[in-house]
Protein backbone atom coordinates (compact mmCIF):
# COMPACT_ATOMS: atom_id res chain seq x y z
CA UNK A 1 0.00 0.00 0.00
CA UNK A 2 2.81 2.45 0.90
CA UNK A 3 4.50 1.67 -2.42
CA UNK A 4 1.28 2.37 -4.34
CA UNK A 5 0.78 5.71 -2.55
CA UNK A 6 4.42 6.67 -3.13
CA UNK A 7 4.16 5.70 -6.82
CA UNK A 8 0.98 7.75 -7.21
CA UNK A 9 2.63 10.74 -5.52
CA UNK A 10 5.67 10.53 -7.82
CA UNK A 11 3.42 10.23 -10.87
CA UNK A 12 1.51 13.38 -9.86
CA UNK A 13 4.78 15.24 -9.27
CA UNK A 14 5.99 14.23 -12.74
CA UNK A 15 2.74 15.48 -14.27
CA UNK A 16 3.09 18.83 -12.49
CA UNK A 17 6.70 19.17 -13.67
CA UNK A 18 5.68 18.35 -17.25
CA UNK A 19 2.92 20.99 -17.15
CA UNK A 20 5.37 23.58 -15.79
CA UNK A 21 7.86 22.73 -18.56
CA UNK A 22 5.14 23.09 -21.19
CA UNK A 23 4.22 26.55 -19.86
CA UNK A 24 7.90 27.56 -19.84
CA UNK A 25 8.35 26.22 -23.36
CA UNK A 26 5.29 28.17 -24.54
CA UNK A 27 6.75 31.30 -22.96
CA UNK A 28 10.08 30.70 -24.69
CA UNK A 29 8.71 30.02 -28.20
CA UNK A 30 9.86 33.36 -29.52
CA UNK A 31 8.20 32.89 -32.90
CA UNK A 32 4.86 32.86 -31.08
CA UNK A 33 5.46 35.87 -28.83
CA UNK A 34 7.03 38.01 -31.55
CA UNK A 35 4.88 40.72 -33.12
CA UNK A 36 2.22 43.23 -32.13
CA UNK A 37 0.22 42.94 -28.89
CA UNK A 38 -2.43 44.99 -27.12
CA UNK A 39 -2.11 45.39 -23.36
CA UNK A 40 -5.77 44.97 -22.47
CA UNK A 41 -5.62 44.60 -18.68
CA UNK A 42 -3.36 45.47 -15.78
CA UNK A 43 -3.05 44.76 -12.09
CA UNK A 44 -0.50 46.57 -9.95
CA UNK A 45 0.41 47.40 -6.38
CA UNK A 46 2.10 50.66 -7.40
CA UNK A 47 0.68 53.69 -5.62
CA UNK A 48 1.00 55.87 -8.73
CA UNK A 49 -0.84 53.23 -10.79
CA UNK A 50 -3.65 53.08 -8.24
CA UNK A 51 -4.01 56.88 -8.30
CA UNK A 52 -4.13 57.04 -12.14
CA UNK A 53 -5.71 53.71 -13.11
CA UNK A 54 -9.09 55.22 -14.05
CA UNK A 55 -7.35 57.43 -16.64
CA UNK A 56 -5.48 54.55 -18.30
CA UNK A 57 -6.27 53.22 -21.76
CA UNK A 58 -5.15 50.19 -23.71
CA UNK A 59 -1.46 50.33 -24.62
CA UNK A 60 0.40 48.48 -27.34
CA UNK A 61 3.63 46.51 -27.42
CA UNK A 62 5.69 45.11 -30.24
CA UNK A 63 8.10 42.28 -29.45
CA UNK A 64 11.10 41.51 -31.67
CA UNK A 65 13.57 38.67 -31.13
CA UNK A 66 17.23 39.70 -31.14
CA UNK A 67 20.40 37.64 -31.04
CA UNK A 68 21.16 35.36 -28.09
CA UNK A 69 17.45 35.17 -27.16
CA UNK A 70 17.12 38.83 -26.19
CA UNK A 71 13.76 40.54 -26.72
CA UNK A 72 13.27 44.13 -27.84
CA UNK A 73 9.94 45.40 -26.58
CA UNK A 74 8.59 48.67 -28.01
CA UNK A 75 5.70 50.25 -26.14
CA UNK A 76 3.12 52.87 -27.21
CA UNK A 77 1.30 54.19 -24.14
CA UNK A 78 -1.52 56.73 -24.41
CA UNK A 79 -1.40 59.55 -21.86
CA UNK A 80 -2.99 62.99 -21.40
CA UNK A 81 0.26 64.44 -22.82
CA UNK A 82 0.00 62.31 -25.98
CA UNK A 83 1.39 58.99 -27.15
CA UNK A 84 4.47 58.02 -25.15
CA UNK A 85 6.85 55.58 -26.82
CA UNK A 86 9.72 53.69 -25.30
CA UNK A 87 11.82 50.61 -25.88
CA UNK A 88 13.49 48.12 -23.58
CA UNK A 89 15.81 45.21 -24.20
CA UNK A 90 15.07 42.13 -22.09
CA UNK A 91 17.67 39.39 -21.65
CA UNK A 92 16.88 35.79 -20.65
CA UNK A 93 17.64 35.08 -16.97
CA UNK A 94 18.09 31.33 -17.38
CA UNK A 95 14.66 30.63 -15.86
CA UNK A 96 12.26 29.47 -18.62
CA UNK A 97 10.02 32.36 -19.70
CA UNK A 98 11.79 34.95 -17.52
CA UNK A 99 13.65 38.06 -18.76
CA UNK A 100 15.47 41.00 -17.15
CA UNK A 101 16.04 44.58 -18.27
CA UNK A 102 18.07 47.33 -16.66
CA UNK A 103 16.62 49.99 -19.02
CA UNK A 104 15.00 52.63 -16.79
CA UNK A 105 15.56 50.58 -13.63
CA UNK A 106 15.81 46.91 -12.79
CA UNK A 107 12.81 45.05 -14.23
CA UNK A 108 12.12 41.34 -14.37
CA UNK A 109 9.26 39.90 -16.42
CA UNK A 110 7.97 36.36 -16.54
CA UNK A 111 5.49 34.66 -18.84
CA UNK A 112 2.93 33.29 -16.36
CA UNK A 113 0.46 31.84 -18.86
CA UNK A 114 -0.01 31.83 -22.63
CA UNK A 115 -1.69 29.82 -25.34
CA UNK A 116 1.17 30.83 -27.62
CA UNK A 117 -1.20 32.44 -30.15
CA UNK A 118 -3.82 34.84 -28.82
CA UNK A 119 -2.91 35.89 -25.27
CA UNK A 120 -0.09 36.04 -22.73
CA UNK A 121 -0.16 36.89 -19.03
CA UNK A 122 3.06 38.59 -17.98
CA UNK A 123 4.16 39.23 -14.38
CA UNK A 124 6.60 42.11 -13.96
CA UNK A 125 8.50 43.40 -10.96
CA UNK A 126 10.84 46.34 -10.61
CA UNK A 127 12.63 48.15 -7.86
CA UNK A 128 11.81 51.84 -7.49
CA UNK A 129 13.04 54.01 -4.63
CA UNK A 130 14.10 50.89 -2.72
CA UNK A 131 10.64 49.30 -2.99
CA UNK A 132 9.70 46.31 -5.15
CA UNK A 133 6.60 46.98 -7.27
CA UNK A 134 4.60 44.30 -9.08
CA UNK A 135 2.42 44.39 -12.17
CA UNK A 136 0.47 41.74 -14.03
CA UNK A 137 -0.37 42.45 -17.69
CA UNK A 138 -2.73 40.72 -20.09
CA UNK A 139 -1.40 40.85 -23.66
CA UNK A 140 -3.76 40.04 -26.54
CA UNK A 141 -3.35 39.92 -30.32
CA UNK A 142 -6.69 41.74 -30.60
CA UNK A 143 -8.36 44.54 -28.66
CA UNK A 144 -11.10 42.16 -27.53
CA UNK A 145 -10.54 39.18 -25.25
CA UNK A 146 -12.94 36.39 -24.47
CA UNK A 147 -14.72 36.23 -21.11
CA UNK A 148 -12.71 33.07 -20.37
CA UNK A 149 -9.37 34.87 -20.81
CA UNK A 150 -10.63 37.82 -18.74
CA UNK A 151 -11.62 35.40 -15.96
CA UNK A 152 -8.25 33.63 -16.23
CA UNK A 153 -6.40 36.96 -15.90
CA UNK A 154 -8.43 38.00 -12.86
CA UNK A 155 -7.89 34.58 -11.25
CA UNK A 156 -4.12 34.77 -11.76
CA UNK A 157 -4.14 38.36 -10.43
CA UNK A 158 -5.89 37.27 -7.25
CA UNK A 159 -3.48 34.33 -6.87
CA UNK A 160 -0.65 36.89 -7.02
CA UNK A 161 -2.33 38.86 -4.18
CA UNK A 162 -3.80 41.67 -6.30
CA UNK A 163 -7.17 42.89 -5.02
CA UNK A 164 -10.12 43.75 -7.27
CA UNK A 165 -9.27 47.45 -6.76
CA UNK A 166 -5.82 46.81 -8.26
CA UNK A 167 -7.20 45.11 -11.42
CA UNK A 168 -8.20 47.20 -14.45
CA UNK A 169 -9.59 46.10 -17.82
CA UNK A 170 -8.40 48.87 -20.12
CA UNK A 171 -10.69 50.71 -22.56
CA UNK A 172 -9.84 50.72 -26.27
CA UNK A 173 -8.08 53.63 -27.92
CA UNK A 174 -7.08 54.35 -31.50
CA UNK A 175 -4.76 57.34 -31.12
CA UNK A 176 -1.60 55.57 -29.93
CA UNK A 177 0.03 52.74 -31.88
CA UNK A 178 3.42 51.05 -32.14
CA UNK A 179 3.04 51.38 -35.92
CA UNK A 180 2.64 55.15 -36.34
CA UNK A 181 4.07 58.31 -34.86
C-alpha atoms as a PDB file:
ATOM      1  CA  UNK A   1       0.000   0.000   0.000  1.00  0.00           C
ATOM      2  CA  UNK A   2       2.806   2.449   0.896  1.00  0.00           C
ATOM      3  CA  UNK A   3       4.503   1.666  -2.419  1.00  0.00           C
ATOM      4  CA  UNK A   4       1.281   2.366  -4.336  1.00  0.00           C
ATOM      5  CA  UNK A   5       0.777   5.707  -2.555  1.00  0.00           C
ATOM      6  CA  UNK A   6       4.424   6.669  -3.132  1.00  0.00           C
ATOM      7  CA  UNK A   7       4.160   5.704  -6.817  1.00  0.00           C
ATOM      8  CA  UNK A   8       0.982   7.752  -7.209  1.00  0.00           C
ATOM      9  CA  UNK A   9       2.633  10.742  -5.517  1.00  0.00           C
ATOM     10  CA  UNK A  10       5.667  10.530  -7.816  1.00  0.00           C
ATOM     11  CA  UNK A  11       3.424  10.227 -10.871  1.00  0.00           C
ATOM     12  CA  UNK A  12       1.507  13.377  -9.855  1.00  0.00           C
ATOM     13  CA  UNK A  13       4.779  15.241  -9.269  1.00  0.00           C
ATOM     14  CA  UNK A  14       5.995  14.227 -12.741  1.00  0.00           C
ATOM     15  CA  UNK A  15       2.741  15.483 -14.270  1.00  0.00           C
ATOM     16  CA  UNK A  16       3.087  18.833 -12.491  1.00  0.00           C
ATOM     17  CA  UNK A  17       6.701  19.166 -13.672  1.00  0.00           C
ATOM     18  CA  UNK A  18       5.677  18.346 -17.250  1.00  0.00           C
ATOM     19  CA  UNK A  19       2.922  20.987 -17.146  1.00  0.00           C
ATOM     20  CA  UNK A  20       5.370  23.578 -15.789  1.00  0.00           C
ATOM     21  CA  UNK A  21       7.864  22.729 -18.562  1.00  0.00           C
ATOM     22  CA  UNK A  22       5.136  23.091 -21.185  1.00  0.00           C
ATOM     23  CA  UNK A  23       4.220  26.546 -19.864  1.00  0.00           C
ATOM     24  CA  UNK A  24       7.896  27.558 -19.840  1.00  0.00           C
ATOM     25  CA  UNK A  25       8.353  26.217 -23.357  1.00  0.00           C
ATOM     26  CA  UNK A  26       5.294  28.173 -24.539  1.00  0.00           C
ATOM     27  CA  UNK A  27       6.747  31.300 -22.964  1.00  0.00           C
ATOM     28  CA  UNK A  28      10.080  30.699 -24.692  1.00  0.00           C
ATOM     29  CA  UNK A  29       8.711  30.023 -28.202  1.00  0.00           C
ATOM     30  CA  UNK A  30       9.855  33.359 -29.524  1.00  0.00           C
ATOM     31  CA  UNK A  31       8.199  32.887 -32.903  1.00  0.00           C
ATOM     32  CA  UNK A  32       4.861  32.865 -31.082  1.00  0.00           C
ATOM     33  CA  UNK A  33       5.464  35.872 -28.830  1.00  0.00           C
ATOM     34  CA  UNK A  34       7.028  38.009 -31.547  1.00  0.00           C
ATOM     35  CA  UNK A  35       4.878  40.720 -33.117  1.00  0.00           C
ATOM     36  CA  UNK A  36       2.223  43.235 -32.129  1.00  0.00           C
ATOM     37  CA  UNK A  37       0.221  42.938 -28.886  1.00  0.00           C
ATOM     38  CA  UNK A  38      -2.428  44.994 -27.123  1.00  0.00           C
ATOM     39  CA  UNK A  39      -2.109  45.393 -23.356  1.00  0.00           C
ATOM     40  CA  UNK A  40      -5.774  44.971 -22.471  1.00  0.00           C
ATOM     41  CA  UNK A  41      -5.621  44.605 -18.684  1.00  0.00           C
ATOM     42  CA  UNK A  42      -3.360  45.473 -15.776  1.00  0.00           C
ATOM     43  CA  UNK A  43      -3.051  44.761 -12.086  1.00  0.00           C
ATOM     44  CA  UNK A  44      -0.497  46.566  -9.946  1.00  0.00           C
ATOM     45  CA  UNK A  45       0.414  47.396  -6.379  1.00  0.00           C
ATOM     46  CA  UNK A  46       2.105  50.659  -7.402  1.00  0.00           C
ATOM     47  CA  UNK A  47       0.676  53.687  -5.617  1.00  0.00           C
ATOM     48  CA  UNK A  48       1.001  55.875  -8.734  1.00  0.00           C
ATOM     49  CA  UNK A  49      -0.844  53.232 -10.794  1.00  0.00           C
ATOM     50  CA  UNK A  50      -3.649  53.079  -8.238  1.00  0.00           C
ATOM     51  CA  UNK A  51      -4.005  56.875  -8.305  1.00  0.00           C
ATOM     52  CA  UNK A  52      -4.131  57.040 -12.143  1.00  0.00           C
ATOM     53  CA  UNK A  53      -5.710  53.713 -13.108  1.00  0.00           C
ATOM     54  CA  UNK A  54      -9.092  55.223 -14.048  1.00  0.00           C
ATOM     55  CA  UNK A  55      -7.352  57.427 -16.639  1.00  0.00           C
ATOM     56  CA  UNK A  56      -5.484  54.547 -18.298  1.00  0.00           C
ATOM     57  CA  UNK A  57      -6.274  53.220 -21.764  1.00  0.00           C
ATOM     58  CA  UNK A  58      -5.149  50.189 -23.706  1.00  0.00           C
ATOM     59  CA  UNK A  59      -1.462  50.335 -24.623  1.00  0.00           C
ATOM     60  CA  UNK A  60       0.398  48.479 -27.345  1.00  0.00           C
ATOM     61  CA  UNK A  61       3.631  46.512 -27.422  1.00  0.00           C
ATOM     62  CA  UNK A  62       5.694  45.108 -30.240  1.00  0.00           C
ATOM     63  CA  UNK A  63       8.100  42.277 -29.446  1.00  0.00           C
ATOM     64  CA  UNK A  64      11.104  41.507 -31.667  1.00  0.00           C
ATOM     65  CA  UNK A  65      13.567  38.665 -31.133  1.00  0.00           C
ATOM     66  CA  UNK A  66      17.228  39.703 -31.144  1.00  0.00           C
ATOM     67  CA  UNK A  67      20.400  37.643 -31.042  1.00  0.00           C
ATOM     68  CA  UNK A  68      21.156  35.357 -28.088  1.00  0.00           C
ATOM     69  CA  UNK A  69      17.450  35.166 -27.161  1.00  0.00           C
ATOM     70  CA  UNK A  70      17.115  38.833 -26.185  1.00  0.00           C
ATOM     71  CA  UNK A  71      13.762  40.539 -26.717  1.00  0.00           C
ATOM     72  CA  UNK A  72      13.273  44.131 -27.841  1.00  0.00           C
ATOM     73  CA  UNK A  73       9.938  45.404 -26.585  1.00  0.00           C
ATOM     74  CA  UNK A  74       8.592  48.665 -28.013  1.00  0.00           C
ATOM     75  CA  UNK A  75       5.698  50.253 -26.141  1.00  0.00           C
ATOM     76  CA  UNK A  76       3.115  52.874 -27.206  1.00  0.00           C
ATOM     77  CA  UNK A  77       1.299  54.192 -24.144  1.00  0.00           C
ATOM     78  CA  UNK A  78      -1.521  56.731 -24.407  1.00  0.00           C
ATOM     79  CA  UNK A  79      -1.403  59.550 -21.858  1.00  0.00           C
ATOM     80  CA  UNK A  80      -2.990  62.992 -21.401  1.00  0.00           C
ATOM     81  CA  UNK A  81       0.257  64.443 -22.822  1.00  0.00           C
ATOM     82  CA  UNK A  82      -0.001  62.308 -25.985  1.00  0.00           C
ATOM     83  CA  UNK A  83       1.391  58.995 -27.146  1.00  0.00           C
ATOM     84  CA  UNK A  84       4.475  58.024 -25.154  1.00  0.00           C
ATOM     85  CA  UNK A  85       6.845  55.579 -26.822  1.00  0.00           C
ATOM     86  CA  UNK A  86       9.716  53.688 -25.297  1.00  0.00           C
ATOM     87  CA  UNK A  87      11.819  50.607 -25.877  1.00  0.00           C
ATOM     88  CA  UNK A  88      13.488  48.118 -23.583  1.00  0.00           C
ATOM     89  CA  UNK A  89      15.813  45.208 -24.198  1.00  0.00           C
ATOM     90  CA  UNK A  90      15.073  42.128 -22.094  1.00  0.00           C
ATOM     91  CA  UNK A  91      17.668  39.388 -21.646  1.00  0.00           C
ATOM     92  CA  UNK A  92      16.877  35.788 -20.653  1.00  0.00           C
ATOM     93  CA  UNK A  93      17.639  35.082 -16.973  1.00  0.00           C
ATOM     94  CA  UNK A  94      18.093  31.330 -17.377  1.00  0.00           C
ATOM     95  CA  UNK A  95      14.663  30.633 -15.863  1.00  0.00           C
ATOM     96  CA  UNK A  96      12.260  29.472 -18.622  1.00  0.00           C
ATOM     97  CA  UNK A  97      10.018  32.355 -19.705  1.00  0.00           C
ATOM     98  CA  UNK A  98      11.795  34.949 -17.524  1.00  0.00           C
ATOM     99  CA  UNK A  99      13.651  38.059 -18.758  1.00  0.00           C
ATOM    100  CA  UNK A 100      15.470  40.998 -17.153  1.00  0.00           C
ATOM    101  CA  UNK A 101      16.035  44.584 -18.269  1.00  0.00           C
ATOM    102  CA  UNK A 102      18.066  47.330 -16.658  1.00  0.00           C
ATOM    103  CA  UNK A 103      16.623  49.994 -19.023  1.00  0.00           C
ATOM    104  CA  UNK A 104      14.996  52.626 -16.794  1.00  0.00           C
ATOM    105  CA  UNK A 105      15.560  50.585 -13.633  1.00  0.00           C
ATOM    106  CA  UNK A 106      15.811  46.909 -12.789  1.00  0.00           C
ATOM    107  CA  UNK A 107      12.814  45.053 -14.229  1.00  0.00           C
ATOM    108  CA  UNK A 108      12.115  41.343 -14.370  1.00  0.00           C
ATOM    109  CA  UNK A 109       9.260  39.905 -16.418  1.00  0.00           C
ATOM    110  CA  UNK A 110       7.973  36.358 -16.544  1.00  0.00           C
ATOM    111  CA  UNK A 111       5.487  34.661 -18.839  1.00  0.00           C
ATOM    112  CA  UNK A 112       2.934  33.287 -16.359  1.00  0.00           C
ATOM    113  CA  UNK A 113       0.462  31.836 -18.863  1.00  0.00           C
ATOM    114  CA  UNK A 114      -0.014  31.832 -22.628  1.00  0.00           C
ATOM    115  CA  UNK A 115      -1.693  29.821 -25.336  1.00  0.00           C
ATOM    116  CA  UNK A 116       1.168  30.834 -27.624  1.00  0.00           C
ATOM    117  CA  UNK A 117      -1.201  32.437 -30.147  1.00  0.00           C
ATOM    118  CA  UNK A 118      -3.821  34.839 -28.820  1.00  0.00           C
ATOM    119  CA  UNK A 119      -2.912  35.889 -25.270  1.00  0.00           C
ATOM    120  CA  UNK A 120      -0.094  36.037 -22.732  1.00  0.00           C
ATOM    121  CA  UNK A 121      -0.162  36.893 -19.030  1.00  0.00           C
ATOM    122  CA  UNK A 122       3.065  38.593 -17.980  1.00  0.00           C
ATOM    123  CA  UNK A 123       4.163  39.230 -14.383  1.00  0.00           C
ATOM    124  CA  UNK A 124       6.605  42.115 -13.961  1.00  0.00           C
ATOM    125  CA  UNK A 125       8.502  43.397 -10.963  1.00  0.00           C
ATOM    126  CA  UNK A 126      10.836  46.341 -10.606  1.00  0.00           C
ATOM    127  CA  UNK A 127      12.627  48.148  -7.860  1.00  0.00           C
ATOM    128  CA  UNK A 128      11.805  51.841  -7.490  1.00  0.00           C
ATOM    129  CA  UNK A 129      13.043  54.010  -4.626  1.00  0.00           C
ATOM    130  CA  UNK A 130      14.100  50.890  -2.717  1.00  0.00           C
ATOM    131  CA  UNK A 131      10.638  49.301  -2.988  1.00  0.00           C
ATOM    132  CA  UNK A 132       9.701  46.311  -5.155  1.00  0.00           C
ATOM    133  CA  UNK A 133       6.603  46.979  -7.268  1.00  0.00           C
ATOM    134  CA  UNK A 134       4.596  44.296  -9.077  1.00  0.00           C
ATOM    135  CA  UNK A 135       2.423  44.390 -12.167  1.00  0.00           C
ATOM    136  CA  UNK A 136       0.468  41.745 -14.034  1.00  0.00           C
ATOM    137  CA  UNK A 137      -0.372  42.445 -17.693  1.00  0.00           C
ATOM    138  CA  UNK A 138      -2.735  40.724 -20.093  1.00  0.00           C
ATOM    139  CA  UNK A 139      -1.404  40.848 -23.656  1.00  0.00           C
ATOM    140  CA  UNK A 140      -3.756  40.042 -26.537  1.00  0.00           C
ATOM    141  CA  UNK A 141      -3.346  39.916 -30.315  1.00  0.00           C
ATOM    142  CA  UNK A 142      -6.690  41.740 -30.599  1.00  0.00           C
ATOM    143  CA  UNK A 143      -8.362  44.544 -28.663  1.00  0.00           C
ATOM    144  CA  UNK A 144     -11.104  42.165 -27.526  1.00  0.00           C
ATOM    145  CA  UNK A 145     -10.544  39.179 -25.252  1.00  0.00           C
ATOM    146  CA  UNK A 146     -12.939  36.391 -24.470  1.00  0.00           C
ATOM    147  CA  UNK A 147     -14.720  36.226 -21.113  1.00  0.00           C
ATOM    148  CA  UNK A 148     -12.706  33.070 -20.373  1.00  0.00           C
ATOM    149  CA  UNK A 149      -9.368  34.872 -20.810  1.00  0.00           C
ATOM    150  CA  UNK A 150     -10.633  37.825 -18.743  1.00  0.00           C
ATOM    151  CA  UNK A 151     -11.618  35.401 -15.959  1.00  0.00           C
ATOM    152  CA  UNK A 152      -8.250  33.626 -16.232  1.00  0.00           C
ATOM    153  CA  UNK A 153      -6.402  36.959 -15.901  1.00  0.00           C
ATOM    154  CA  UNK A 154      -8.431  37.996 -12.856  1.00  0.00           C
ATOM    155  CA  UNK A 155      -7.891  34.576 -11.254  1.00  0.00           C
ATOM    156  CA  UNK A 156      -4.124  34.768 -11.759  1.00  0.00           C
ATOM    157  CA  UNK A 157      -4.137  38.355 -10.433  1.00  0.00           C
ATOM    158  CA  UNK A 158      -5.894  37.266  -7.251  1.00  0.00           C
ATOM    159  CA  UNK A 159      -3.477  34.328  -6.869  1.00  0.00           C
ATOM    160  CA  UNK A 160      -0.646  36.886  -7.019  1.00  0.00           C
ATOM    161  CA  UNK A 161      -2.331  38.862  -4.184  1.00  0.00           C
ATOM    162  CA  UNK A 162      -3.800  41.667  -6.298  1.00  0.00           C
ATOM    163  CA  UNK A 163      -7.169  42.895  -5.022  1.00  0.00           C
ATOM    164  CA  UNK A 164     -10.120  43.752  -7.265  1.00  0.00           C
ATOM    165  CA  UNK A 165      -9.270  47.446  -6.762  1.00  0.00           C
ATOM    166  CA  UNK A 166      -5.824  46.807  -8.261  1.00  0.00           C
ATOM    167  CA  UNK A 167      -7.201  45.108 -11.424  1.00  0.00           C
ATOM    168  CA  UNK A 168      -8.204  47.200 -14.455  1.00  0.00           C
ATOM    169  CA  UNK A 169      -9.586  46.103 -17.822  1.00  0.00           C
ATOM    170  CA  UNK A 170      -8.399  48.873 -20.124  1.00  0.00           C
ATOM    171  CA  UNK A 171     -10.688  50.712 -22.562  1.00  0.00           C
ATOM    172  CA  UNK A 172      -9.840  50.724 -26.269  1.00  0.00           C
ATOM    173  CA  UNK A 173      -8.083  53.626 -27.916  1.00  0.00           C
ATOM    174  CA  UNK A 174      -7.080  54.350 -31.502  1.00  0.00           C
ATOM    175  CA  UNK A 175      -4.761  57.337 -31.124  1.00  0.00           C
ATOM    176  CA  UNK A 176      -1.596  55.565 -29.930  1.00  0.00           C
ATOM    177  CA  UNK A 177       0.031  52.737 -31.876  1.00  0.00           C
ATOM    178  CA  UNK A 178       3.421  51.055 -32.136  1.00  0.00           C
ATOM    179  CA  UNK A 179       3.044  51.376 -35.921  1.00  0.00           C
ATOM    180  CA  UNK A 180       2.640  55.153 -36.342  1.00  0.00           C
ATOM    181  CA  UNK A 181       4.074  58.305 -34.858  1.00  0.00           C
END
